[in-house]
Amino acid sequence: MIDQTVHMGLLFDFYGQLLTEKQRLFFSLYHQDDLSLGEIAEQYGVTRQAVYDIIQRSQKSLTNFEEKLGLIKRYVRQREQLERLQGKLKELADELSLAAVSEPWQRQLAEVQELLAELLEDF
């Protein structure tokens, strides 16, 4: 399973825009900027409990979005599949380099590998 900090970051990246402005702000300050509840409360003139409640509601909302939509689960699965495909293409390229395969085939394989690398970079 993904580390809790990374998981919260992914949830925020995928679903953060669905939170209220205050939820996004407090969540970001707490999880990404590593401010304490007290620091956030002092900075925004609210109680520490209010900050805690907003962050907890934000986390629950983000988790509910993922349970319903499953975008992160699908993202992780697709990323793993693309990485496996990249490995298989490398194996194939290695085998073809040892065999007497025509240059056009090797060039096409190199193009496919390049496209896959670009896709993974953007992913």
Protein backbone atom coordinates (compact mmCIF):
# COMPACT_ATOMS: atom_id res chain seq x y z
CA MET A 1 0.00 0.00 0.00
CA ILE A 2 1.07 3.55 -0.63
CA ASP A 3 2.56 5.54 2.27
CA GLN A 4 -0.12 7.64 4.04
CA THR A 5 1.56 10.96 3.21
CA VAL A 6 1.88 10.04 -0.46
CA HIS A 7 -1.69 8.75 -0.48
CA MET A 8 -3.02 12.03 0.93
CA GLY A 9 -1.00 13.92 -1.68
CA LEU A 10 -2.46 11.81 -4.46
CA LEU A 11 -5.98 12.27 -3.12
CA PHE A 12 -5.43 16.02 -3.04
CA ASP A 13 -3.93 16.05 -6.55
CA PHE A 14 -6.84 14.11 -8.00
CA TYR A 15 -9.76 15.50 -6.03
CA GLY A 16 -8.55 18.67 -4.28
CA GLN A 17 -10.53 20.97 -6.55
CA LEU A 18 -13.73 19.36 -5.27
CA LEU A 19 -13.08 20.67 -1.75
CA THR A 20 -14.13 24.10 -0.54
CA GLU A 21 -11.55 26.87 -0.69
CA LYS A 22 -10.98 26.74 3.07
CA GLN A 23 -10.67 22.95 3.04
CA ARG A 24 -8.10 23.15 0.22
CA LEU A 25 -6.15 25.85 2.04
CA PHE A 26 -6.03 24.15 5.44
CA PHE A 27 -5.36 20.72 3.92
CA SER A 28 -2.50 22.13 1.87
CA LEU A 29 -0.99 24.03 4.80
CA TYR A 30 -1.15 20.96 7.02
CA HIS A 31 -0.14 18.19 4.60
CA GLN A 32 2.05 19.97 2.09
CA ASP A 33 3.54 22.90 4.00
CA ASP A 34 3.78 20.86 7.22
CA LEU A 35 2.25 23.54 9.45
CA SER A 36 0.84 22.42 12.78
CA LEU A 37 -2.83 22.76 13.70
CA GLY A 38 -1.87 25.51 16.13
CA GLU A 39 0.10 27.44 13.53
CA ILE A 40 -2.79 27.33 11.07
CA ALA A 41 -5.29 28.31 13.77
CA GLU A 42 -3.17 31.27 14.85
CA GLN A 43 -2.58 32.42 11.28
CA TYR A 44 -6.31 32.37 10.42
CA GLY A 45 -7.80 33.41 13.75
CA VAL A 46 -9.70 30.18 14.41
CA THR A 47 -9.45 27.52 17.06
CA ARG A 48 -7.14 24.56 16.78
CA GLN A 49 -10.22 22.32 16.96
CA ALA A 50 -11.79 24.12 13.99
CA VAL A 51 -8.65 23.51 11.92
CA TYR A 52 -8.61 19.85 12.98
CA ASP A 53 -12.28 19.41 12.06
CA ILE A 54 -11.82 21.01 8.62
CA ILE A 55 -8.79 18.84 7.84
CA GLN A 56 -10.58 15.69 9.01
CA ARG A 57 -13.64 16.51 6.89
CA SER A 58 -11.35 17.19 3.94
CA GLN A 59 -9.60 13.84 4.32
CA LYS A 60 -12.93 12.05 4.63
CA SER A 61 -14.29 13.81 1.54
CA LEU A 62 -11.19 12.99 -0.49
CA THR A 63 -11.32 9.36 0.61
CA ASN A 64 -15.03 9.18 -0.30
CA PHE A 65 -14.33 10.62 -3.75
CA GLU A 66 -11.72 7.91 -4.34
CA GLU A 67 -14.05 5.17 -3.07
CA LYS A 68 -16.74 6.30 -5.50
CA LEU A 69 -14.62 7.22 -8.53
CA GLY A 70 -11.49 5.07 -8.14
CA LEU A 71 -9.28 7.37 -10.21
CA ILE A 72 -6.14 6.79 -8.14
CA LYS A 73 -6.60 3.03 -8.15
CA ARG A 74 -6.95 3.12 -11.93
CA TYR A 75 -3.97 5.50 -12.27
CA VAL A 76 -1.70 3.23 -10.22
CA ARG A 77 -2.82 0.13 -12.13
CA GLN A 78 -2.30 1.77 -15.52
CA ARG A 79 1.10 3.12 -14.50
CA GLU A 80 2.21 -0.36 -13.41
CA GLN A 81 0.97 -1.83 -16.69
CA LEU A 82 2.85 0.78 -18.71
CA GLU A 83 6.04 0.10 -16.76
CA ARG A 84 5.66 -3.65 -17.37
CA LEU A 85 5.11 -2.95 -21.06
CA GLN A 86 8.25 -0.81 -21.10
CA GLY A 87 10.20 -3.70 -19.58
CA LYS A 88 8.86 -6.17 -22.14
CA LEU A 89 9.74 -3.82 -24.99
CA LYS A 90 13.29 -3.50 -23.64
CA GLU A 91 13.60 -7.29 -23.52
CA LEU A 92 12.36 -7.50 -27.09
CA ALA A 93 14.76 -4.79 -28.23
CA ASP A 94 17.66 -6.60 -26.56
CA GLU A 95 16.73 -9.87 -28.29
CA LEU A 96 16.28 -8.18 -31.66
CA SER A 97 19.65 -6.48 -31.40
CA LEU A 98 21.25 -9.94 -31.10
CA ALA A 99 19.27 -11.37 -34.01
CA ALA A 100 19.65 -10.46 -37.64
CA VAL A 101 16.54 -8.28 -37.78
CA SER A 102 16.17 -5.64 -40.47
CA GLU A 103 16.79 -2.03 -39.57
CA PRO A 104 13.21 -0.86 -40.30
CA TRP A 105 11.88 -3.23 -37.61
CA GLN A 106 14.46 -2.01 -35.10
CA ARG A 107 13.60 1.60 -35.95
CA GLN A 108 9.88 0.94 -35.45
CA LEU A 109 10.56 -0.70 -32.10
CA ALA A 110 12.68 2.29 -31.06
CA GLU A 111 9.81 4.61 -32.02
CA VAL A 112 7.36 2.57 -29.93
CA GLN A 113 9.78 2.67 -26.98
CA GLU A 114 10.12 6.44 -27.36
CA LEU A 115 6.35 6.93 -27.48
CA LEU A 116 5.92 4.78 -24.39
CA ALA A 117 8.63 6.72 -22.55
CA GLU A 118 6.84 10.00 -23.42
CA LEU A 119 3.55 8.57 -22.23
CA LEU A 120 5.08 7.49 -18.92
CA GLU A 121 6.71 10.90 -18.51
CA ASP A 122 3.34 12.63 -18.90
CA PHE A 123 1.56 10.07 -16.73
